[in-house]
């Protein structure tokens, strides 16, 4: 009996040793796989950050080859000294946020890993090294392999697909096309007796954000169309293939806007509401104040629009650290194969990255994403969310080059404030663009803005309040939330709803205009 007991003990010991060995071998293999995945993802993160840097750097030196010899040496020394200090500040800010993110991550990971080893050797329940590294492999596989594939695949769902039968082309100019957006909600038809609206996308961010995920009930334009509102969207043609877009001016924009509004008014026998998103909001307000839309438009909606960019302290504060010499738009200009000058969209995206370097540094974003994917895995979330993939598709693939004159209008709005008497810092057709026009023509104006917008600060969006009566609506979250989160009709701040405090979404604003006396 004693010998049998001892044999059983030896068998149990061998089994435990074998089990421990298998676990350690599994942990070793997974740790190697996790390391390969980790460094692959880290390299890709740096690559995605450096590509626009190289583009911006090439544009900078192309300009400096002209400016440097023409500038006195003392001025060059002073300007480059200021530029060096600015670069150092940017580097310090990026390094600080990255170190904080890394230290927070590894502090918790060290505790987890130590506990896992004790659990293994003490025979306690809980996480062990093999399960710890198996989780790391799964997290990194999702982040490094599955996520980029999901982002690319999101292009099939994201944005406008004008060949899918959900849109009707109504009008065209040399530079733009006008489409009617048809409802995609079953059982909903266009109510032609309602007041029509035309939505204008920003040049710099592309049109796709306005039709974020139509199949998932997250589309700004479909939020209007699915209420039966005659909804139109103005689409700028591909700048790479269209010389007329490359050379277009603010006056061209106003003429095309008037042409489209005239076509819409003729179809519905009603004046049009124009609705500009982000930069598109500034553009449509300028078009209106030029007088070119007289008799065609009687209501305006702007969403997160920089109507006085000088009040966006984040971007303005960033620009103020740069020597005046380097604030010239010419540093972002490139020449197309056809000889036209355009503003390089990659350079502009680099400016936005530097402005938010604390959140855009590659190490910071990489560890942030690892934390996010680990949290998703522990919550049992399977696959990659369509919303997250679509947001990244927009940020990566929906950038475009810009017409110089249109970009200069926006640039001026961020460097010159609205005057004390209500003049925009730009002119069209040689005319002053003054907010008194709204009062003179009795035009309704709703401003929608985001409480946590780090691109267009609320004061920049709300600037017209100082000069005219406007209706304002605040939305939670950040810059794109109105077109993404809140375009879902089932959400708390869905665009067709009324909100606490008596405010209302832009769709509700548009619907209510039909009940007001003509």
Protein backbone atom coordinates (compact mmCIF):
# COMPACT_ATOMS: atom_id res chain seq x y z
CA UNK A 1 0.00 0.00 0.00
CA UNK A 2 2.83 2.37 0.89
CA UNK A 3 4.59 1.68 -2.40
CA UNK A 4 1.37 2.30 -4.34
CA UNK A 5 0.92 5.61 -2.53
CA UNK A 6 4.48 6.64 -3.31
CA UNK A 7 4.04 5.64 -6.96
CA UNK A 8 0.89 7.74 -7.18
CA UNK A 9 2.75 10.71 -5.68
CA UNK A 10 5.59 10.30 -8.20
CA UNK A 11 3.05 10.08 -11.06
CA UNK A 12 1.31 13.25 -9.81
CA UNK A 13 4.64 15.05 -9.51
CA UNK A 14 5.60 14.02 -13.05
CA UNK A 15 2.21 15.17 -14.33
CA UNK A 16 2.57 18.54 -12.60
CA UNK A 17 6.12 18.91 -13.90
CA UNK A 18 4.96 18.02 -17.42
CA UNK A 19 2.06 20.46 -17.12
CA UNK A 20 4.37 23.21 -15.89
CA UNK A 21 6.85 22.51 -18.68
CA UNK A 22 4.12 22.61 -21.30
CA UNK A 23 2.87 25.89 -19.92
CA UNK A 24 6.34 27.41 -19.94
CA UNK A 25 6.98 26.21 -23.49
CA UNK A 26 3.63 27.64 -24.59
CA UNK A 27 4.42 30.90 -22.81
CA UNK A 28 7.84 31.07 -24.48
CA UNK A 29 6.41 30.51 -27.96
CA UNK A 30 3.65 33.04 -27.45
CA UNK A 31 6.05 35.60 -25.99
CA UNK A 32 8.17 35.33 -29.15
CA UNK A 33 5.09 35.69 -31.37
CA UNK A 34 3.87 38.64 -29.30
CA UNK A 35 7.29 40.32 -29.59
CA UNK A 36 7.28 39.99 -33.38
CA UNK A 37 3.75 41.37 -33.60
CA UNK A 38 4.55 44.17 -31.14
CA UNK A 39 7.58 45.47 -33.03
CA UNK A 40 5.79 45.10 -36.38
CA UNK A 41 2.97 47.28 -35.09
CA UNK A 42 5.34 49.79 -33.52
CA UNK A 43 7.26 50.13 -36.78
CA UNK A 44 4.02 50.65 -38.71
CA UNK A 45 2.90 53.30 -36.22
CA UNK A 46 6.14 55.23 -36.76
CA UNK A 47 5.87 54.76 -40.53
CA UNK A 48 2.35 56.24 -40.59
CA UNK A 49 3.64 59.21 -38.59
CA UNK A 50 6.78 59.78 -40.65
CA UNK A 51 5.26 59.65 -44.15
CA UNK A 52 3.50 63.04 -43.82
CA UNK A 53 6.60 64.35 -42.04
CA UNK A 54 8.76 63.56 -45.05
CA UNK A 55 6.19 65.13 -47.38
CA UNK A 56 6.08 68.27 -45.22
CA UNK A 57 9.86 68.35 -44.96
CA UNK A 58 10.27 68.18 -48.74
CA UNK A 59 7.72 70.98 -49.19
CA UNK A 60 9.50 73.08 -46.57
CA UNK A 61 12.93 72.80 -48.17
CA UNK A 62 11.53 73.37 -51.65
CA UNK A 63 10.28 76.72 -50.41
CA UNK A 64 13.39 77.51 -48.37
CA UNK A 65 15.65 77.04 -51.39
CA UNK A 66 13.94 80.18 -52.71
CA UNK A 67 13.57 82.14 -49.46
CA UNK A 68 16.87 81.37 -47.73
CA UNK A 69 19.22 83.10 -50.20
CA UNK A 70 16.94 86.15 -50.36
CA UNK A 71 16.86 86.67 -46.58
CA UNK A 72 19.59 88.48 -44.59
CA UNK A 73 21.81 86.06 -42.60
CA UNK A 74 20.87 87.67 -39.27
CA UNK A 75 17.18 87.09 -39.98
CA UNK A 76 17.86 83.49 -41.03
CA UNK A 77 19.69 82.86 -37.76
CA UNK A 78 16.86 84.36 -35.72
CA UNK A 79 14.11 82.50 -37.60
CA UNK A 80 15.87 79.15 -37.54
CA UNK A 81 16.64 79.60 -33.84
CA UNK A 82 12.92 80.11 -33.21
CA UNK A 83 12.14 77.09 -35.40
CA UNK A 84 14.63 74.95 -33.44
CA UNK A 85 13.01 75.98 -30.15
CA UNK A 86 9.59 75.14 -31.56
CA UNK A 87 10.78 71.71 -32.74
CA UNK A 88 12.24 71.06 -29.30
CA UNK A 89 8.93 71.96 -27.65
CA UNK A 90 7.07 69.62 -30.00
CA UNK A 91 9.54 66.81 -29.33
CA UNK A 92 9.33 67.31 -25.57
CA UNK A 93 5.53 67.31 -25.60
CA UNK A 94 5.40 64.12 -27.68
CA UNK A 95 8.06 62.38 -25.58
CA UNK A 96 6.37 63.34 -22.31
CA UNK A 97 2.96 62.01 -23.28
CA UNK A 98 4.54 58.84 -24.71
CA UNK A 99 6.56 58.17 -21.55
CA UNK A 100 3.52 58.67 -19.35
CA UNK A 101 1.48 56.29 -21.51
CA UNK A 102 4.25 53.69 -21.52
CA UNK A 103 4.91 53.89 -17.79
CA UNK A 104 1.21 53.57 -16.95
CA UNK A 105 0.96 50.53 -19.20
CA UNK A 106 4.03 48.71 -17.91
CA UNK A 107 3.26 49.49 -14.28
CA UNK A 108 0.09 47.45 -14.47
CA UNK A 109 1.64 44.81 -16.73
CA UNK A 110 4.51 44.11 -14.35
CA UNK A 111 2.07 43.48 -11.52
CA UNK A 112 0.03 41.14 -13.74
CA UNK A 113 3.08 39.23 -14.90
CA UNK A 114 4.47 38.74 -11.39
CA UNK A 115 1.09 37.49 -10.16
CA UNK A 116 0.93 35.09 -13.12
CA UNK A 117 4.30 33.54 -12.17
CA UNK A 118 3.32 33.13 -8.52
CA UNK A 119 0.06 31.51 -9.57
CA UNK A 120 1.99 28.99 -11.64
CA UNK A 121 4.50 27.91 -9.02
CA UNK A 122 2.12 28.11 -6.05
CA UNK A 123 -0.60 26.20 -7.86
CA UNK A 124 -3.11 29.00 -7.26
CA UNK A 125 -6.06 29.81 -9.45
CA UNK A 126 -5.82 32.80 -11.75
CA UNK A 127 -3.77 33.99 -14.67
CA UNK A 128 -0.58 32.11 -15.55
CA UNK A 129 2.27 33.04 -17.95
CA UNK A 130 0.85 30.93 -20.76
CA UNK A 131 -2.60 32.55 -20.54
CA UNK A 132 -0.97 35.96 -20.11
CA UNK A 133 1.07 35.67 -23.31
CA UNK A 134 -1.80 33.98 -25.17
CA UNK A 135 -3.86 37.09 -24.47
CA UNK A 136 -1.02 39.34 -25.68
CA UNK A 137 -0.81 37.40 -28.94
CA UNK A 138 -4.56 37.71 -29.49
CA UNK A 139 -4.60 41.43 -28.69
CA UNK A 140 -1.65 42.21 -30.94
CA UNK A 141 -2.95 39.99 -33.72
CA UNK A 142 -6.20 41.95 -33.71
CA UNK A 143 -4.40 45.30 -33.58
CA UNK A 144 -1.57 44.64 -36.02
CA UNK A 145 -3.18 42.22 -38.50
CA UNK A 146 -6.98 42.38 -38.28
CA UNK A 147 -7.39 46.10 -37.65
CA UNK A 148 -5.64 47.39 -40.81
CA UNK A 149 -7.62 44.88 -42.87
CA UNK A 150 -10.87 46.03 -41.25
CA UNK A 151 -9.99 49.67 -41.96
CA UNK A 152 -9.38 48.96 -45.63
CA UNK A 153 -12.61 46.93 -45.83
CA UNK A 154 -14.54 49.82 -44.27
CA UNK A 155 -14.18 51.67 -47.56
CA UNK A 156 -16.98 49.50 -48.97
CA UNK A 157 -19.35 50.80 -46.26
CA UNK A 158 -18.04 54.32 -45.67
CA UNK A 159 -19.06 57.45 -47.50
CA UNK A 160 -20.97 58.07 -50.70
CA UNK A 161 -21.35 55.32 -53.28
CA UNK A 162 -23.20 57.18 -56.00
CA UNK A 163 -23.58 54.08 -58.18
CA UNK A 164 -25.64 52.09 -55.66
CA UNK A 165 -29.02 53.55 -56.59
CA UNK A 166 -29.43 55.66 -53.48
CA UNK A 167 -28.63 58.98 -55.16
CA UNK A 168 -29.76 60.99 -58.18
CA UNK A 169 -27.44 63.37 -59.96
CA UNK A 170 -29.30 66.65 -60.43
CA UNK A 171 -26.81 69.24 -61.71
CA UNK A 172 -23.14 69.77 -62.52
CA UNK A 173 -20.59 72.52 -63.03
CA UNK A 174 -16.96 72.33 -64.14
CA UNK A 175 -15.97 71.91 -60.50
CA UNK A 176 -18.84 70.22 -58.66
CA UNK A 177 -21.78 67.84 -58.87
CA UNK A 178 -25.12 68.01 -57.10
CA UNK A 179 -26.80 64.81 -55.93
CA UNK A 180 -30.12 64.21 -54.27
CA UNK A 181 -29.83 61.81 -51.34
CA UNK A 182 -32.71 59.33 -51.33
CA UNK A 183 -34.05 57.82 -48.09
CA UNK A 184 -32.59 54.43 -47.18
CA UNK A 185 -35.10 53.83 -44.38
CA UNK A 186 -37.70 51.25 -45.48
CA UNK A 187 -41.11 52.76 -46.13
CA UNK A 188 -39.85 56.35 -46.31
CA UNK A 189 -40.40 58.48 -49.41
CA UNK A 190 -39.25 61.98 -50.30
CA UNK A 191 -41.89 64.54 -49.28
CA UNK A 192 -41.52 67.09 -52.03
CA UNK A 193 -43.78 69.56 -50.26
CA UNK A 194 -41.14 70.00 -47.54
CA UNK A 195 -38.43 72.64 -47.61
CA UNK A 196 -35.23 71.36 -49.33
CA UNK A 197 -31.73 71.41 -47.87
CA UNK A 198 -28.30 71.31 -49.50
CA UNK A 199 -25.39 70.01 -47.42
CA UNK A 200 -21.82 71.18 -48.12
CA UNK A 201 -18.82 69.11 -47.10
CA UNK A 202 -15.44 70.52 -46.02
CA UNK A 203 -12.72 70.64 -48.65
CA UNK A 204 -10.01 69.52 -46.26
CA UNK A 205 -11.80 66.52 -44.72
CA UNK A 206 -13.56 65.22 -47.80
CA UNK A 207 -17.22 64.35 -48.36
CA UNK A 208 -17.26 60.89 -46.80
CA UNK A 209 -17.84 62.08 -43.24
CA UNK A 210 -21.34 63.24 -44.27
CA UNK A 211 -22.31 59.67 -45.22
CA UNK A 212 -20.31 57.95 -42.51
CA UNK A 213 -21.97 54.51 -42.40
CA UNK A 214 -25.33 54.70 -44.19
CA UNK A 215 -25.96 50.98 -43.74
CA UNK A 216 -25.52 51.29 -39.97
CA UNK A 217 -27.89 54.27 -39.55
CA UNK A 218 -24.94 56.62 -39.07
CA UNK A 219 -25.11 59.12 -41.89
CA UNK A 220 -25.60 62.86 -41.51
CA UNK A 221 -27.27 63.37 -44.89
CA UNK A 222 -29.51 60.33 -44.47
CA UNK A 223 -30.67 61.69 -41.10
CA UNK A 224 -32.40 64.41 -43.17
CA UNK A 225 -33.45 62.20 -46.08
CA UNK A 226 -34.98 59.55 -43.81
CA UNK A 227 -37.37 62.18 -42.44
CA UNK A 228 -38.65 62.72 -45.98
CA UNK A 229 -36.80 66.02 -46.37
CA UNK A 230 -35.64 66.72 -49.96
CA UNK A 231 -31.91 66.41 -49.25
CA UNK A 232 -29.09 67.37 -51.59
CA UNK A 233 -25.32 67.22 -51.24
CA UNK A 234 -22.77 69.29 -53.13
CA UNK A 235 -19.72 67.22 -54.10
CA UNK A 236 -16.42 68.75 -55.22
CA UNK A 237 -14.91 66.80 -58.12
CA UNK A 238 -11.62 64.92 -57.79
CA UNK A 239 -8.93 67.59 -57.66
CA UNK A 240 -6.31 65.22 -59.06
CA UNK A 241 -8.27 64.80 -62.29
CA UNK A 242 -9.94 68.21 -62.61
CA UNK A 243 -7.99 71.34 -63.52
CA UNK A 244 -11.03 73.51 -62.79
CA UNK A 245 -10.98 72.39 -59.15
CA UNK A 246 -7.23 72.97 -58.87
CA UNK A 247 -7.62 76.60 -59.93
CA UNK A 248 -11.01 77.40 -58.41
CA UNK A 249 -11.55 80.54 -56.34
CA UNK A 250 -13.97 81.58 -53.64
CA UNK A 251 -16.00 83.35 -56.31
CA UNK A 252 -16.23 80.07 -58.27
CA UNK A 253 -17.54 78.38 -55.14
CA UNK A 254 -20.20 81.06 -54.66
CA UNK A 255 -21.28 80.84 -58.33
CA UNK A 256 -21.57 77.04 -58.19
CA UNK A 257 -23.49 77.22 -54.92
CA UNK A 258 -25.92 79.70 -56.48
CA UNK A 259 -26.30 77.49 -59.56
CA UNK A 260 -27.19 74.47 -57.42
CA UNK A 261 -29.55 76.41 -55.13
CA UNK A 262 -31.34 77.75 -58.22
CA UNK A 263 -31.78 74.20 -59.55
CA UNK A 264 -33.12 72.98 -56.20
CA UNK A 265 -35.52 75.93 -55.82
CA UNK A 266 -36.89 75.30 -59.31
CA UNK A 267 -37.54 71.66 -58.41
CA UNK A 268 -39.39 72.41 -55.17
CA UNK A 269 -40.58 76.00 -55.63
CA UNK A 270 -39.17 76.84 -52.21
CA UNK A 271 -36.02 78.63 -51.04
CA UNK A 272 -33.20 76.36 -49.91
CA UNK A 273 -31.56 75.78 -46.53
CA UNK A 274 -27.78 75.52 -46.91
CA UNK A 275 -25.92 73.45 -44.35
CA UNK A 276 -22.11 73.53 -44.11
CA UNK A 277 -20.08 71.08 -42.05
CA UNK A 278 -16.73 72.24 -40.60
CA UNK A 279 -14.86 74.26 -43.27
CA UNK A 280 -17.95 73.92 -45.44
CA UNK A 281 -19.81 76.05 -42.89
CA UNK A 282 -17.38 78.93 -43.27
CA UNK A 283 -17.57 78.64 -47.06
CA UNK A 284 -21.38 78.70 -47.27
CA UNK A 285 -21.59 81.68 -44.91
CA UNK A 286 -19.10 83.55 -47.11
CA UNK A 287 -21.07 82.56 -50.22
CA UNK A 288 -24.28 83.85 -48.65
CA UNK A 289 -22.81 87.15 -47.45
CA UNK A 290 -21.47 87.80 -50.95
CA UNK A 291 -25.05 88.37 -52.14
CA UNK A 292 -24.81 85.68 -54.85
CA UNK A 293 -27.55 83.64 -53.17
CA UNK A 294 -30.12 86.44 -52.98
CA UNK A 295 -33.63 85.04 -53.24
CA UNK A 296 -32.38 81.45 -53.23
CA UNK A 297 -31.58 80.80 -49.55
CA UNK A 298 -33.58 81.71 -46.44
CA UNK A 299 -31.94 79.53 -43.77
CA UNK A 300 -28.42 78.43 -42.85
CA UNK A 301 -27.11 75.66 -40.59
CA UNK A 302 -23.44 75.34 -39.69
CA UNK A 303 -21.97 72.38 -37.83
CA UNK A 304 -18.61 72.67 -36.00
CA UNK A 305 -17.67 75.44 -38.44
CA UNK A 306 -14.68 77.75 -37.74
CA UNK A 307 -16.50 81.02 -38.41
CA UNK A 308 -13.75 82.88 -36.59
CA UNK A 309 -10.75 80.57 -36.52
CA UNK A 310 -8.71 82.98 -34.39
CA UNK A 311 -10.85 81.86 -31.44
CA UNK A 312 -9.69 78.25 -31.78
CA UNK A 313 -6.95 78.68 -29.25
CA UNK A 314 -5.42 75.24 -29.77
CA UNK A 315 -4.50 75.76 -33.42
CA UNK A 316 -3.88 79.49 -33.07
CA UNK A 317 -1.64 78.90 -30.05
CA UNK A 318 0.28 76.36 -32.11
CA UNK A 319 0.71 78.85 -34.99
CA UNK A 320 1.84 81.60 -32.62
CA UNK A 321 4.88 79.51 -31.67
CA UNK A 322 6.05 79.51 -35.29
CA UNK A 323 8.10 82.40 -36.62
CA UNK A 324 5.97 84.62 -38.93
CA UNK A 325 8.17 83.65 -41.86
CA UNK A 326 7.08 80.02 -41.64
CA UNK A 327 3.34 80.75 -41.33
CA UNK A 328 3.18 81.29 -45.07
CA UNK A 329 0.76 79.05 -46.96
CA UNK A 330 3.41 78.74 -49.69
CA UNK A 331 5.19 76.10 -47.56
CA UNK A 332 2.30 73.71 -48.26
CA UNK A 333 1.94 74.39 -51.99
CA UNK A 334 2.97 71.94 -54.68
CA UNK A 335 2.71 72.00 -58.48
CA UNK A 336 0.60 69.43 -60.32
CA UNK A 337 1.63 67.68 -63.53
CA UNK A 338 -0.51 70.18 -65.41
CA UNK A 339 1.36 73.14 -63.91
CA UNK A 340 -1.31 74.27 -61.44
CA UNK A 341 -0.48 75.00 -57.82
CA UNK A 342 -2.47 73.20 -55.11
CA UNK A 343 -2.11 72.84 -51.36
CA UNK A 344 -0.74 69.43 -50.38
CA UNK A 345 -3.31 67.64 -48.22
CA UNK A 346 -0.60 65.52 -46.58
CA UNK A 347 1.20 68.64 -45.39
CA UNK A 348 -2.05 69.96 -43.92
CA UNK A 349 -2.62 66.66 -42.10
CA UNK A 350 0.91 66.95 -40.69
CA UNK A 351 0.04 70.38 -39.28
CA UNK A 352 -2.92 68.87 -37.42
CA UNK A 353 -0.74 66.05 -36.11
CA UNK A 354 1.80 68.50 -34.70
CA UNK A 355 -0.94 70.62 -33.16
CA UNK A 356 -2.10 67.59 -31.14
CA UNK A 357 1.28 65.94 -30.73
CA UNK A 358 0.47 64.84 -27.16
CA UNK A 359 -2.21 62.54 -28.64
CA UNK A 360 -0.64 61.93 -32.05
CA UNK A 361 2.90 60.81 -31.15
CA UNK A 362 3.35 57.29 -32.57
CA UNK A 363 4.39 55.67 -29.28
CA UNK A 364 1.48 57.27 -27.43
CA UNK A 365 -1.10 56.19 -30.02
CA UNK A 366 0.31 52.67 -30.19
CA UNK A 367 0.13 52.01 -26.46
CA UNK A 368 -3.27 53.70 -26.32
CA UNK A 369 -4.54 51.28 -28.97
CA UNK A 370 -3.07 48.29 -27.15
CA UNK A 371 -4.92 49.32 -24.00
CA UNK A 372 -8.11 49.74 -25.99
CA UNK A 373 -7.88 46.34 -27.65
CA UNK A 374 -7.04 44.62 -24.36
CA UNK A 375 -10.11 46.18 -22.75
CA UNK A 376 -12.26 45.04 -25.68
CA UNK A 377 -10.93 41.48 -25.44
CA UNK A 378 -11.64 41.27 -21.71
CA UNK A 379 -15.18 42.53 -22.27
CA UNK A 380 -15.69 39.73 -24.77
CA UNK A 381 -15.94 42.03 -27.79
CA UNK A 382 -15.37 40.00 -30.93
CA UNK A 383 -14.08 41.36 -34.21
CA UNK A 384 -13.39 44.97 -35.11
CA UNK A 385 -16.13 47.56 -34.67
CA UNK A 386 -17.35 49.10 -37.94
CA UNK A 387 -17.45 52.58 -36.41
CA UNK A 388 -13.83 52.50 -35.29
CA UNK A 389 -12.72 51.09 -38.63
CA UNK A 390 -14.69 53.71 -40.57
CA UNK A 391 -13.32 56.59 -38.48
CA UNK A 392 -9.79 55.44 -39.26
CA UNK A 393 -10.60 54.91 -42.92
CA UNK A 394 -11.78 58.52 -43.04
CA UNK A 395 -8.66 59.81 -41.29
CA UNK A 396 -6.27 57.77 -43.46
CA UNK A 397 -7.84 57.68 -46.91
CA UNK A 398 -10.26 60.62 -47.20
CA UNK A 399 -7.61 63.34 -47.35
CA UNK A 400 -7.22 65.35 -50.51
CA UNK A 401 -5.21 68.20 -51.95
CA UNK A 402 -6.87 71.62 -51.84
CA UNK A 403 -7.32 74.61 -54.15
CA UNK A 404 -4.94 77.38 -53.09
CA UNK A 405 -7.52 80.18 -53.09
CA UNK A 406 -10.05 78.19 -51.01
CA UNK A 407 -7.33 77.25 -48.53
CA UNK A 408 -6.22 80.87 -48.31
CA UNK A 409 -9.75 81.85 -47.28
CA UNK A 410 -9.63 79.38 -44.40
CA UNK A 411 -6.06 80.37 -43.54
CA UNK A 412 -7.11 84.01 -43.33
CA UNK A 413 -10.00 83.09 -41.05
CA UNK A 414 -7.49 81.56 -38.60
CA UNK A 415 -5.12 84.52 -38.68
CA UNK A 416 -7.44 87.56 -38.95
CA UNK A 417 -10.47 87.86 -36.64
CA UNK A 418 -13.94 89.03 -37.62
CA UNK A 419 -13.92 92.83 -37.46
CA UNK A 420 -15.67 94.77 -34.72
CA UNK A 421 -18.48 95.62 -37.14
CA UNK A 422 -19.00 92.02 -38.25
CA UNK A 423 -16.91 91.70 -41.44
CA UNK A 424 -15.32 88.38 -42.33
CA UNK A 425 -11.55 88.62 -42.97
CA UNK A 426 -12.05 87.78 -46.65
CA UNK A 427 -13.90 89.34 -49.58
CA UNK A 428 -15.71 87.82 -52.55
CA UNK A 429 -16.26 89.73 -55.78
CA UNK A 430 -14.54 92.62 -54.00
CA UNK A 431 -17.49 92.86 -51.58
CA UNK A 432 -17.46 93.10 -47.80
CA UNK A 433 -18.93 90.01 -46.17
CA UNK A 434 -20.87 91.33 -43.19
CA UNK A 435 -23.21 89.49 -40.84
CA UNK A 436 -25.80 92.26 -41.15
CA UNK A 437 -26.90 90.45 -44.30
CA UNK A 438 -28.68 87.85 -42.13
CA UNK A 439 -30.77 90.56 -40.48
CA UNK A 440 -31.42 92.49 -43.69
CA UNK A 441 -32.65 89.40 -45.55
CA UNK A 442 -34.38 87.82 -42.52
CA UNK A 443 -32.38 84.61 -42.84
CA UNK A 444 -32.69 82.00 -40.08
CA UNK A 445 -29.36 80.75 -38.69
CA UNK A 446 -28.63 77.72 -36.53
CA UNK A 447 -25.14 77.00 -35.21
CA UNK A 448 -24.36 73.46 -34.00
CA UNK A 449 -21.10 72.93 -32.12
CA UNK A 450 -19.37 70.24 -30.03
CA UNK A 451 -18.53 70.70 -26.37
CA UNK A 452 -15.24 68.78 -26.59
CA UNK A 453 -14.12 69.88 -30.04
CA UNK A 454 -10.32 70.16 -30.09
CA UNK A 455 -10.21 71.23 -33.75
CA UNK A 456 -12.83 74.01 -33.78
CA UNK A 457 -13.19 75.45 -30.29
CA UNK A 458 -16.80 76.41 -29.39
CA UNK A 459 -15.98 80.18 -29.34
CA UNK A 460 -14.81 79.90 -32.97
CA UNK A 461 -18.10 78.32 -34.01
CA UNK A 462 -20.23 80.75 -31.97
CA UNK A 463 -18.59 84.02 -33.09
CA UNK A 464 -21.64 85.28 -35.09
CA UNK A 465 -23.64 85.51 -31.82
CA UNK A 466 -21.88 88.82 -31.14
CA UNK A 467 -23.41 90.40 -34.25
CA UNK A 468 -26.77 88.77 -35.01
CA UNK A 469 -29.47 86.61 -33.46
CA UNK A 470 -28.66 82.93 -33.95
CA UNK A 471 -29.97 79.66 -32.58
CA UNK A 472 -27.27 77.51 -31.00
CA UNK A 473 -27.19 73.83 -30.12
CA UNK A 474 -24.41 72.15 -28.16
CA UNK A 475 -23.63 68.48 -28.76
CA UNK A 476 -21.55 66.24 -26.49
CA UNK A 477 -18.29 64.68 -27.65
CA UNK A 478 -15.86 65.93 -30.27
CA UNK A 479 -15.55 67.37 -33.75
CA UNK A 480 -17.03 64.56 -35.85
CA UNK A 481 -19.68 63.32 -33.39
CA UNK A 482 -22.60 65.18 -35.02
CA UNK A 483 -21.93 63.31 -38.27
CA UNK A 484 -21.11 59.96 -36.65
CA UNK A 485 -22.49 59.21 -33.16
CA UNK A 486 -25.51 61.53 -33.23
CA UNK A 487 -26.56 60.81 -36.81
CA UNK A 488 -27.89 57.50 -35.44
CA UNK A 489 -31.64 58.13 -34.90
CA UNK A 490 -31.72 55.88 -31.82
CA UNK A 491 -29.20 57.93 -29.80
CA UNK A 492 -29.88 60.48 -27.08
CA UNK A 493 -28.80 63.40 -29.24
CA UNK A 494 -30.23 62.15 -32.54
CA UNK A 495 -30.46 65.00 -35.00
CA UNK A 496 -34.25 64.97 -35.34
CA UNK A 497 -34.87 65.37 -31.59
CA UNK A 498 -35.40 68.20 -29.13
CA UNK A 499 -32.97 68.28 -26.23
CA UNK A 500 -33.04 69.40 -22.58
CA UNK A 501 -32.88 73.16 -22.28
CA UNK A 502 -35.06 73.78 -25.32
CA UNK A 503 -32.45 73.20 -28.01
CA UNK A 504 -32.93 71.02 -31.07
CA UNK A 505 -30.94 69.14 -33.66
CA UNK A 506 -30.43 70.40 -37.22
CA UNK A 507 -32.94 67.94 -38.70
CA UNK A 508 -35.58 69.12 -36.23
CA UNK A 509 -34.67 72.74 -37.06
CA UNK A 510 -35.20 72.02 -40.77
CA UNK A 511 -38.52 70.23 -40.19
CA UNK A 512 -39.80 73.04 -37.98
CA UNK A 513 -39.08 75.61 -40.69
CA UNK A 514 -41.98 74.08 -42.63
CA UNK A 515 -44.40 75.08 -39.86
CA UNK A 516 -43.34 78.72 -39.80
CA UNK A 517 -45.30 81.29 -41.83
CA UNK A 518 -43.78 82.06 -45.23
